[in-house]
Amino acid sequence: MKNIAEVSVTIKAPSAKVWEWLTKPELVNKYFFGTHLHTDWSPGSPILFRGEWQGKPYEDKGKVLEFRKEEHLAYLYWSNFSGTPDALENYEKITFDLSQSATCTTVVVRQECTNKEHIENNWRSVLDGLKKAIEG
């Protein structure tokens, strides 16, 4: 049974800037564990995450499901570190939702998962890195 992990962060920046950092591969690389992101963000297109973690190369993958600029994106995701076969039933849905107030943008990440605590800790680390990168 899958749980839903949910983590949020509020960043002192407009949603356009936060969106750019969430979707541009050269910016994602700066805060997302050195990941090299490959996608065109068109719904139905593949999404690849390549890099090295603790000395081991990885290539995680999925498919873009939804993309609404500066508001929402969703994709299916499978990690070769998951220990599960690369089969559709082992893919997890990840969503990002942005909401802007006068001076800040809140990002909420949700991920279907089996290990909620582990996933939430990972996303907290990623979102903290995103906040530091944007706010300087």
N, C-alpha and C. Protein backbone atom coordinates (compact mmCIF):
# COMPACT_ATOMS: atom_id res chain seq x y z
N MET A 1 0.84 -1.19 0.00
CA MET A 1 0.00 0.00 0.00
C MET A 1 0.88 1.25 0.00
N LYS A 2 0.51 2.20 -0.83
CA LYS A 2 1.29 3.41 -0.92
C LYS A 2 0.70 4.50 -0.04
N ASN A 3 1.60 5.25 0.59
CA ASN A 3 1.24 6.42 1.38
C ASN A 3 1.49 7.66 0.53
N ILE A 4 1.09 8.81 1.05
CA ILE A 4 1.41 10.07 0.39
C ILE A 4 2.31 10.86 1.32
N ALA A 5 3.54 11.08 0.88
CA ALA A 5 4.47 11.96 1.59
C ALA A 5 4.20 13.37 1.11
N GLU A 6 4.20 14.33 2.01
CA GLU A 6 3.96 15.73 1.64
C GLU A 6 4.91 16.64 2.41
N VAL A 7 5.57 17.52 1.67
CA VAL A 7 6.51 18.47 2.25
C VAL A 7 6.30 19.81 1.55
N SER A 8 6.42 20.90 2.31
CA SER A 8 6.26 22.21 1.70
C SER A 8 7.35 23.16 2.20
N VAL A 9 7.54 24.22 1.43
CA VAL A 9 8.49 25.27 1.81
C VAL A 9 7.95 26.59 1.25
N THR A 10 8.21 27.67 1.97
CA THR A 10 7.85 29.00 1.50
C THR A 10 9.13 29.75 1.20
N ILE A 11 9.19 30.30 -0.01
CA ILE A 11 10.40 30.95 -0.52
C ILE A 11 10.09 32.41 -0.83
N LYS A 12 10.98 33.30 -0.41
CA LYS A 12 10.81 34.73 -0.69
C LYS A 12 11.22 35.02 -2.12
N ALA A 13 10.29 34.73 -3.04
CA ALA A 13 10.53 34.96 -4.47
C ALA A 13 9.20 34.78 -5.21
N PRO A 14 9.07 35.41 -6.38
CA PRO A 14 7.86 35.21 -7.17
C PRO A 14 7.81 33.80 -7.75
N SER A 15 6.60 33.35 -8.06
CA SER A 15 6.43 31.98 -8.57
C SER A 15 7.20 31.75 -9.87
N ALA A 16 7.35 32.77 -10.70
CA ALA A 16 8.09 32.60 -11.97
C ALA A 16 9.54 32.17 -11.70
N LYS A 17 10.15 32.77 -10.70
CA LYS A 17 11.54 32.42 -10.37
C LYS A 17 11.63 31.02 -9.77
N VAL A 18 10.72 30.70 -8.87
CA VAL A 18 10.70 29.37 -8.26
C VAL A 18 10.47 28.32 -9.33
N TRP A 19 9.54 28.57 -10.24
CA TRP A 19 9.24 27.64 -11.33
C TRP A 19 10.48 27.39 -12.18
N GLU A 20 11.19 28.45 -12.48
CA GLU A 20 12.42 28.32 -13.28
C GLU A 20 13.40 27.38 -12.59
N TRP A 21 13.56 27.52 -11.29
CA TRP A 21 14.48 26.66 -10.54
C TRP A 21 13.98 25.22 -10.44
N LEU A 22 12.69 25.01 -10.51
CA LEU A 22 12.13 23.65 -10.47
C LEU A 22 12.24 22.93 -11.81
N THR A 23 12.31 23.69 -12.91
CA THR A 23 12.17 23.06 -14.23
C THR A 23 13.37 23.19 -15.16
N LYS A 24 14.31 24.09 -14.89
CA LYS A 24 15.48 24.24 -15.76
C LYS A 24 16.58 23.29 -15.30
N PRO A 25 17.00 22.37 -16.17
CA PRO A 25 17.99 21.36 -15.76
C PRO A 25 19.26 21.94 -15.15
N GLU A 26 19.78 23.03 -15.69
CA GLU A 26 21.03 23.58 -15.15
C GLU A 26 20.85 24.17 -13.75
N LEU A 27 19.62 24.53 -13.38
CA LEU A 27 19.35 25.03 -12.03
C LEU A 27 19.03 23.87 -11.08
N VAL A 28 18.28 22.90 -11.56
CA VAL A 28 17.95 21.72 -10.75
C VAL A 28 19.23 21.05 -10.25
N ASN A 29 20.22 20.99 -11.10
CA ASN A 29 21.50 20.37 -10.77
C ASN A 29 22.17 21.01 -9.55
N LYS A 30 21.90 22.28 -9.29
CA LYS A 30 22.57 23.01 -8.20
C LYS A 30 22.05 22.67 -6.80
N TYR A 31 20.82 22.15 -6.70
CA TYR A 31 20.27 21.88 -5.37
C TYR A 31 19.73 20.46 -5.21
N PHE A 32 19.61 19.70 -6.30
CA PHE A 32 18.97 18.39 -6.26
C PHE A 32 20.02 17.28 -6.34
N PHE A 33 20.92 17.24 -5.35
CA PHE A 33 21.93 16.19 -5.23
C PHE A 33 22.80 16.05 -6.47
N GLY A 34 22.98 17.13 -7.24
CA GLY A 34 23.81 17.07 -8.45
C GLY A 34 23.17 16.34 -9.61
N THR A 35 21.87 16.15 -9.55
CA THR A 35 21.13 15.43 -10.59
C THR A 35 21.14 16.17 -11.92
N HIS A 36 21.32 15.40 -12.99
CA HIS A 36 21.20 15.93 -14.35
C HIS A 36 19.81 15.54 -14.85
N LEU A 37 18.95 16.54 -15.02
CA LEU A 37 17.57 16.35 -15.43
C LEU A 37 17.47 16.44 -16.95
N HIS A 38 16.72 15.51 -17.56
CA HIS A 38 16.50 15.50 -19.00
C HIS A 38 15.01 15.31 -19.26
N THR A 39 14.36 16.35 -19.81
CA THR A 39 12.96 16.27 -20.22
C THR A 39 12.61 17.53 -21.00
N ASP A 40 11.53 17.47 -21.77
CA ASP A 40 11.04 18.69 -22.42
C ASP A 40 9.76 19.18 -21.75
N TRP A 41 9.33 18.50 -20.69
CA TRP A 41 8.17 18.84 -19.86
C TRP A 41 6.84 18.73 -20.59
N SER A 42 6.80 18.18 -21.78
CA SER A 42 5.53 17.97 -22.46
C SER A 42 4.83 16.75 -21.86
N PRO A 43 3.54 16.85 -21.52
CA PRO A 43 2.84 15.67 -21.01
C PRO A 43 2.98 14.49 -21.96
N GLY A 44 3.34 13.34 -21.37
CA GLY A 44 3.58 12.13 -22.15
C GLY A 44 5.05 11.90 -22.46
N SER A 45 5.88 12.93 -22.29
CA SER A 45 7.31 12.83 -22.58
C SER A 45 8.06 12.14 -21.45
N PRO A 46 9.19 11.51 -21.77
CA PRO A 46 10.00 10.90 -20.71
C PRO A 46 10.69 11.97 -19.86
N ILE A 47 11.02 11.57 -18.65
CA ILE A 47 11.82 12.39 -17.75
C ILE A 47 12.91 11.48 -17.18
N LEU A 48 14.16 11.94 -17.22
CA LEU A 48 15.29 11.17 -16.72
C LEU A 48 16.06 11.99 -15.69
N PHE A 49 16.51 11.33 -14.66
CA PHE A 49 17.36 11.92 -13.64
C PHE A 49 18.62 11.08 -13.59
N ARG A 50 19.75 11.67 -13.95
CA ARG A 50 21.01 10.92 -13.96
C ARG A 50 21.99 11.58 -13.01
N GLY A 51 22.83 10.75 -12.40
CA GLY A 51 23.84 11.28 -11.52
C GLY A 51 24.60 10.18 -10.82
N GLU A 52 25.20 10.56 -9.72
CA GLU A 52 25.96 9.62 -8.90
C GLU A 52 25.59 9.87 -7.45
N TRP A 53 25.28 8.79 -6.73
CA TRP A 53 24.93 8.90 -5.32
C TRP A 53 25.80 7.94 -4.54
N GLN A 54 26.58 8.47 -3.60
CA GLN A 54 27.49 7.69 -2.77
C GLN A 54 28.36 6.78 -3.63
N GLY A 55 28.88 7.37 -4.73
CA GLY A 55 29.80 6.66 -5.60
C GLY A 55 29.15 5.71 -6.60
N LYS A 56 27.83 5.62 -6.60
CA LYS A 56 27.14 4.72 -7.52
C LYS A 56 26.34 5.53 -8.54
N PRO A 57 26.55 5.25 -9.84
CA PRO A 57 25.76 5.96 -10.84
C PRO A 57 24.30 5.51 -10.80
N TYR A 58 23.42 6.43 -11.15
CA TYR A 58 22.00 6.08 -11.21
C TYR A 58 21.35 6.73 -12.43
N GLU A 59 20.25 6.15 -12.85
CA GLU A 59 19.39 6.72 -13.86
C GLU A 59 17.95 6.41 -13.46
N ASP A 60 17.32 7.39 -12.86
CA ASP A 60 15.92 7.26 -12.48
C ASP A 60 15.09 7.81 -13.63
N LYS A 61 13.86 7.36 -13.74
CA LYS A 61 13.10 7.78 -14.91
C LYS A 61 11.62 7.83 -14.62
N GLY A 62 10.91 8.33 -15.62
CA GLY A 62 9.47 8.41 -15.50
C GLY A 62 8.84 9.02 -16.73
N LYS A 63 7.64 9.56 -16.51
CA LYS A 63 6.90 10.17 -17.61
C LYS A 63 6.18 11.40 -17.08
N VAL A 64 6.29 12.50 -17.83
CA VAL A 64 5.60 13.73 -17.47
C VAL A 64 4.09 13.52 -17.65
N LEU A 65 3.33 13.85 -16.61
CA LEU A 65 1.87 13.70 -16.66
C LEU A 65 1.16 15.04 -16.90
N GLU A 66 1.58 16.07 -16.16
CA GLU A 66 0.90 17.37 -16.21
C GLU A 66 1.94 18.48 -16.09
N PHE A 67 1.68 19.59 -16.77
CA PHE A 67 2.60 20.74 -16.72
C PHE A 67 1.79 22.01 -16.95
N ARG A 68 1.55 22.75 -15.86
CA ARG A 68 0.89 24.05 -15.95
C ARG A 68 1.86 25.07 -15.39
N LYS A 69 2.44 25.85 -16.28
CA LYS A 69 3.53 26.77 -15.96
C LYS A 69 3.21 27.62 -14.72
N GLU A 70 4.19 27.63 -13.83
CA GLU A 70 4.17 28.41 -12.58
C GLU A 70 3.07 27.99 -11.61
N GLU A 71 2.42 26.83 -11.86
CA GLU A 71 1.34 26.37 -10.96
C GLU A 71 1.51 24.94 -10.50
N HIS A 72 1.69 24.02 -11.47
CA HIS A 72 1.58 22.60 -11.14
C HIS A 72 2.35 21.75 -12.15
N LEU A 73 3.04 20.74 -11.62
CA LEU A 73 3.58 19.71 -12.50
C LEU A 73 3.48 18.38 -11.80
N ALA A 74 3.36 17.33 -12.62
CA ALA A 74 3.25 15.98 -12.08
C ALA A 74 3.94 15.02 -13.03
N TYR A 75 4.58 14.00 -12.45
CA TYR A 75 5.20 12.96 -13.27
C TYR A 75 5.21 11.65 -12.52
N LEU A 76 5.30 10.57 -13.28
CA LEU A 76 5.52 9.25 -12.71
C LEU A 76 7.03 9.08 -12.56
N TYR A 77 7.44 8.34 -11.53
CA TYR A 77 8.86 8.25 -11.20
C TYR A 77 9.20 6.85 -10.70
N TRP A 78 10.33 6.34 -11.19
CA TRP A 78 10.88 5.07 -10.71
C TRP A 78 12.38 5.25 -10.53
N SER A 79 12.90 4.76 -9.42
CA SER A 79 14.33 4.85 -9.12
C SER A 79 14.98 3.47 -9.20
N ASN A 80 16.16 3.41 -9.83
CA ASN A 80 16.85 2.13 -9.87
C ASN A 80 17.40 1.75 -8.49
N PHE A 81 17.37 2.67 -7.52
CA PHE A 81 17.75 2.35 -6.15
C PHE A 81 16.58 1.76 -5.36
N SER A 82 15.40 1.71 -5.96
CA SER A 82 14.22 1.26 -5.22
C SER A 82 14.24 -0.23 -4.90
N GLY A 83 15.03 -0.97 -5.67
CA GLY A 83 15.06 -2.41 -5.47
C GLY A 83 13.85 -3.12 -6.08
N THR A 84 13.07 -2.39 -6.84
CA THR A 84 11.89 -2.98 -7.49
C THR A 84 12.11 -3.05 -8.99
N PRO A 85 11.44 -3.96 -9.67
CA PRO A 85 11.57 -4.03 -11.14
C PRO A 85 11.02 -2.76 -11.80
N ASP A 86 11.56 -2.44 -12.96
CA ASP A 86 11.08 -1.31 -13.75
C ASP A 86 9.76 -1.72 -14.41
N ALA A 87 8.69 -1.62 -13.62
CA ALA A 87 7.35 -1.99 -14.08
C ALA A 87 6.38 -0.90 -13.62
N LEU A 88 5.37 -0.64 -14.41
CA LEU A 88 4.45 0.46 -14.16
C LEU A 88 3.92 0.48 -12.72
N GLU A 89 3.64 -0.68 -12.15
CA GLU A 89 3.09 -0.70 -10.79
C GLU A 89 4.10 -0.23 -9.74
N ASN A 90 5.37 -0.12 -10.11
CA ASN A 90 6.39 0.35 -9.17
C ASN A 90 6.73 1.83 -9.35
N TYR A 91 6.07 2.50 -10.27
CA TYR A 91 6.27 3.94 -10.45
C TYR A 91 5.43 4.69 -9.42
N GLU A 92 5.97 5.81 -8.95
CA GLU A 92 5.27 6.63 -7.97
C GLU A 92 4.95 7.98 -8.60
N LYS A 93 3.80 8.52 -8.28
CA LYS A 93 3.42 9.84 -8.79
C LYS A 93 3.97 10.92 -7.87
N ILE A 94 4.62 11.91 -8.48
CA ILE A 94 5.14 13.06 -7.75
C ILE A 94 4.48 14.31 -8.32
N THR A 95 3.99 15.18 -7.42
CA THR A 95 3.39 16.44 -7.86
C THR A 95 4.05 17.62 -7.14
N PHE A 96 4.10 18.73 -7.84
CA PHE A 96 4.56 20.00 -7.29
C PHE A 96 3.44 21.01 -7.52
N ASP A 97 3.04 21.71 -6.47
CA ASP A 97 2.04 22.77 -6.59
C ASP A 97 2.62 24.05 -6.00
N LEU A 98 2.47 25.14 -6.75
CA LEU A 98 2.97 26.43 -6.33
C LEU A 98 1.80 27.37 -6.07
N SER A 99 1.92 28.16 -5.01
CA SER A 99 0.94 29.23 -4.75
C SER A 99 1.73 30.46 -4.31
N GLN A 100 1.32 31.60 -4.84
CA GLN A 100 2.06 32.84 -4.58
C GLN A 100 1.24 33.79 -3.74
N SER A 101 1.91 34.42 -2.77
CA SER A 101 1.31 35.52 -2.01
C SER A 101 2.01 36.79 -2.48
N ALA A 102 1.87 37.86 -1.75
CA ALA A 102 2.44 39.14 -2.18
C ALA A 102 3.96 39.06 -2.39
N THR A 103 4.68 38.40 -1.49
CA THR A 103 6.14 38.41 -1.57
C THR A 103 6.78 37.02 -1.57
N CYS A 104 5.96 35.98 -1.47
CA CYS A 104 6.51 34.63 -1.33
C CYS A 104 5.77 33.63 -2.22
N THR A 105 6.43 32.50 -2.45
CA THR A 105 5.82 31.38 -3.15
C THR A 105 5.95 30.15 -2.26
N THR A 106 4.85 29.45 -2.09
CA THR A 106 4.88 28.19 -1.35
C THR A 106 4.87 27.04 -2.36
N VAL A 107 5.78 26.10 -2.14
CA VAL A 107 5.88 24.89 -2.97
C VAL A 107 5.46 23.71 -2.11
N VAL A 108 4.53 22.92 -2.61
CA VAL A 108 4.11 21.70 -1.93
C VAL A 108 4.44 20.53 -2.85
N VAL A 109 5.22 19.59 -2.32
CA VAL A 109 5.57 18.38 -3.06
C VAL A 109 4.85 17.21 -2.40
N ARG A 110 4.24 16.38 -3.25
CA ARG A 110 3.59 15.16 -2.76
C ARG A 110 4.12 13.99 -3.57
N GLN A 111 4.37 12.87 -2.89
CA GLN A 111 4.85 11.68 -3.59
C GLN A 111 4.18 10.45 -3.02
N GLU A 112 3.64 9.62 -3.92
CA GLU A 112 3.16 8.30 -3.51
C GLU A 112 4.39 7.50 -3.12
N CYS A 113 4.32 6.75 -2.04
CA CYS A 113 5.51 6.02 -1.60
C CYS A 113 5.14 4.93 -0.62
N THR A 114 6.10 4.06 -0.35
CA THR A 114 5.91 3.04 0.67
C THR A 114 6.63 3.43 1.96
N ASN A 115 7.68 4.25 1.85
CA ASN A 115 8.45 4.68 3.02
C ASN A 115 8.30 6.19 3.19
N LYS A 116 7.20 6.60 3.78
CA LYS A 116 6.84 8.01 3.90
C LYS A 116 7.91 8.84 4.61
N GLU A 117 8.41 8.37 5.72
CA GLU A 117 9.39 9.14 6.50
C GLU A 117 10.66 9.40 5.69
N HIS A 118 11.17 8.38 5.03
CA HIS A 118 12.37 8.51 4.20
C HIS A 118 12.16 9.51 3.07
N ILE A 119 11.04 9.39 2.38
CA ILE A 119 10.73 10.28 1.26
C ILE A 119 10.57 11.72 1.74
N GLU A 120 9.87 11.91 2.85
CA GLU A 120 9.71 13.27 3.39
C GLU A 120 11.05 13.88 3.78
N ASN A 121 11.94 13.10 4.36
CA ASN A 121 13.28 13.61 4.70
C ASN A 121 14.04 14.02 3.45
N ASN A 122 13.96 13.21 2.39
CA ASN A 122 14.62 13.57 1.13
C ASN A 122 14.07 14.87 0.57
N TRP A 123 12.74 14.99 0.52
CA TRP A 123 12.15 16.20 -0.04
C TRP A 123 12.45 17.42 0.81
N ARG A 124 12.51 17.27 2.14
CA ARG A 124 12.89 18.41 2.99
C ARG A 124 14.28 18.90 2.62
N SER A 125 15.19 17.98 2.41
CA SER A 125 16.55 18.33 2.03
C SER A 125 16.57 19.05 0.68
N VAL A 126 15.84 18.52 -0.29
CA VAL A 126 15.79 19.14 -1.62
C VAL A 126 15.17 20.54 -1.54
N LEU A 127 14.05 20.67 -0.84
CA LEU A 127 13.37 21.96 -0.76
C LEU A 127 14.17 22.98 0.05
N ASP A 128 14.88 22.53 1.08
CA ASP A 128 15.77 23.44 1.80
C ASP A 128 16.87 23.95 0.88
N GLY A 129 17.42 23.06 0.04
CA GLY A 129 18.44 23.46 -0.92
C GLY A 129 17.89 24.44 -1.94
N LEU A 130 16.66 24.19 -2.39
CA LEU A 130 16.00 25.09 -3.34
C LEU A 130 15.82 26.48 -2.72
N LYS A 131 15.35 26.54 -1.50
CA LYS A 131 15.13 27.81 -0.81
C LYS A 131 16.46 28.58 -0.67
N LYS A 132 17.51 27.89 -0.23
CA LYS A 132 18.82 28.54 -0.08
C LYS A 132 19.35 29.04 -1.42
N ALA A 133 19.19 28.25 -2.46
CA ALA A 133 19.69 28.63 -3.79
C ALA A 133 18.97 29.88 -4.29
N ILE A 134 17.67 29.95 -4.09
CA ILE A 134 16.90 31.10 -4.61
C ILE A 134 17.08 32.34 -3.75
N GLU A 135 17.02 32.16 -2.44
CA GLU A 135 17.10 33.32 -1.56
C GLU A 135 18.53 33.81 -1.34
N GLY A 136 19.51 32.97 -1.72
CA GLY A 136 20.91 33.37 -1.59
C GLY A 136 21.37 33.26 -0.19
